[in-house]
Amino acid sequence: MRGYTFAHAVPLIVVLALVSGCTGKESAPTAMAQGPVAVLVAPVEQKTVPNQLREVGTVEAYSTVSIKSRVEGHLEAIHFKEGDFVKKGQLLFTIDQRTYQCESREGCRAGQTG
């Protein structure tokens, strides 16, 4: 017959400790013995509640567009703010006209003389 080792005894000791802990006569008082619990009540109200989200995260654009100018010049004005909705054909930027007007006049003069 084989001898029992400490490894065999550990599960038996754990099971006996659990069973003996559950059968004690001095158990905690039950909820019924403690009596009723106080509860706060309020009348029902109907209100409009704002939908507010306070979350941490990132926002990604639904679509993005690259804009390239056909002429060079300095920007005089920007007609939108970041995040605004824009429509097709809407004026976005105003470029200083003096730069390309001078270039076109010189081109015309050069073409007339040559």
Protein backbone atom coordinates (compact mmCIF):
# COMPACT_ATOMS: atom_id res chain seq x y z
CA MET A 1 0.00 0.00 0.00
CA ARG A 2 1.27 3.47 -0.91
CA GLY A 3 1.85 6.10 1.73
CA TYR A 4 0.00 9.39 1.70
CA THR A 5 2.03 12.54 1.06
CA PHE A 6 1.45 16.12 2.05
CA ALA A 7 0.20 16.86 -1.51
CA HIS A 8 -2.65 14.39 -0.96
CA ALA A 9 -3.60 15.92 2.39
CA VAL A 10 -3.87 19.57 1.22
CA PRO A 11 -7.13 19.19 -0.78
CA LEU A 12 -8.70 17.24 2.08
CA ILE A 13 -7.77 19.96 4.60
CA VAL A 14 -9.18 22.70 2.35
CA VAL A 15 -12.51 20.87 1.90
CA LEU A 16 -12.85 20.25 5.64
CA ALA A 17 -12.12 23.92 6.42
CA LEU A 18 -14.79 25.09 3.97
CA VAL A 19 -17.43 22.70 5.25
CA SER A 20 -16.77 23.48 8.90
CA GLY A 21 -16.95 27.25 8.22
CA CYS A 22 -20.42 26.94 6.68
CA THR A 23 -22.03 24.98 9.54
CA GLY A 24 -21.36 27.37 12.42
CA LYS A 25 -24.27 28.10 14.80
CA GLU A 26 -23.26 31.75 15.36
CA SER A 27 -24.24 33.07 11.92
CA ALA A 28 -24.74 36.75 11.09
CA PRO A 29 -28.24 38.16 11.73
CA THR A 30 -30.51 37.85 8.73
CA ALA A 31 -32.03 40.79 6.90
CA MET A 32 -35.44 40.11 8.44
CA ALA A 33 -34.05 40.32 11.95
CA GLN A 34 -32.53 43.76 11.27
CA GLY A 35 -35.83 45.39 10.35
CA PRO A 36 -36.91 47.54 7.42
CA VAL A 37 -34.47 49.75 5.52
CA ALA A 38 -35.25 53.48 5.13
CA VAL A 39 -35.94 54.53 1.51
CA LEU A 40 -36.20 58.06 0.12
CA VAL A 41 -39.06 58.80 -2.28
CA ALA A 42 -39.93 61.79 -4.50
CA PRO A 43 -42.90 62.72 -6.69
CA VAL A 44 -42.67 61.87 -10.38
CA GLU A 45 -41.68 64.73 -12.72
CA GLN A 46 -41.50 64.93 -16.48
CA LYS A 47 -38.63 67.10 -17.79
CA THR A 48 -36.60 67.59 -20.92
CA VAL A 49 -33.09 66.44 -20.12
CA PRO A 50 -30.20 67.55 -22.34
CA ASN A 51 -28.22 64.77 -23.96
CA GLN A 52 -24.65 65.39 -22.85
CA LEU A 53 -21.73 63.11 -23.52
CA ARG A 54 -18.54 63.59 -21.55
CA GLU A 55 -16.18 61.08 -23.06
CA VAL A 56 -12.54 60.95 -23.98
CA GLY A 57 -11.83 59.99 -27.57
CA THR A 58 -10.91 61.12 -31.03
CA VAL A 59 -13.06 62.43 -33.84
CA GLU A 60 -12.42 61.53 -37.44
CA ALA A 61 -13.74 63.45 -40.43
CA TYR A 62 -16.36 61.76 -42.58
CA SER A 63 -14.52 62.97 -45.68
CA THR A 64 -11.57 65.24 -46.40
CA VAL A 65 -10.67 67.30 -49.45
CA SER A 66 -7.31 68.57 -50.69
CA ILE A 67 -7.38 72.12 -52.05
CA LYS A 68 -4.85 73.38 -54.62
CA SER A 69 -4.68 76.90 -55.90
CA ARG A 70 -4.36 77.47 -59.64
CA VAL A 71 -2.52 80.76 -59.07
CA GLU A 72 0.12 81.95 -56.62
CA GLY A 73 -0.44 84.80 -54.20
CA HIS A 74 -0.95 85.79 -50.61
CA LEU A 75 -4.18 84.93 -48.82
CA GLU A 76 -6.28 87.97 -48.02
CA ALA A 77 -9.13 86.17 -46.27
CA ILE A 78 -10.36 82.74 -45.23
CA HIS A 79 -14.14 82.44 -45.47
CA PHE A 80 -14.69 79.38 -43.26
CA LYS A 81 -13.71 78.06 -39.86
CA GLU A 82 -12.23 74.66 -39.15
CA GLY A 83 -15.04 72.15 -38.73
CA ASP A 84 -17.62 74.17 -40.71
CA PHE A 85 -19.81 72.48 -43.27
CA VAL A 86 -19.06 73.79 -46.77
CA LYS A 87 -21.05 73.43 -49.97
CA LYS A 88 -19.97 72.98 -53.56
CA GLY A 89 -19.12 76.33 -55.11
CA GLN A 90 -18.79 78.15 -51.76
CA LEU A 91 -16.04 80.79 -51.56
CA LEU A 92 -13.32 79.45 -49.26
CA PHE A 93 -10.31 81.76 -49.74
CA THR A 94 -9.58 85.17 -51.23
CA ILE A 95 -6.14 85.53 -52.83
CA ASP A 96 -4.44 88.91 -53.29
CA GLN A 97 -5.30 89.75 -56.91
CA ARG A 98 -2.43 92.19 -57.46
CA THR A 99 0.12 89.39 -57.81
CA TYR A 100 -1.48 87.56 -60.71
CA GLN A 101 -2.97 90.67 -62.33
CA CYS A 102 0.54 92.13 -62.71
CA GLU A 103 1.84 88.85 -64.11
CA SER A 104 -0.97 88.69 -66.69
CA ARG A 105 -0.42 92.32 -67.75
CA GLU A 106 3.29 91.72 -68.25
CA GLY A 107 2.48 88.62 -70.26
CA CYS A 108 0.09 90.60 -72.43
CA ARG A 109 2.63 93.41 -72.94
CA ALA A 110 5.34 90.89 -73.78
CA GLY A 111 3.01 89.24 -76.29
CA GLN A 112 2.16 92.57 -77.94
CA THR A 113 5.79 93.61 -78.38
CA GLY A 114 7.13 90.25 -79.49
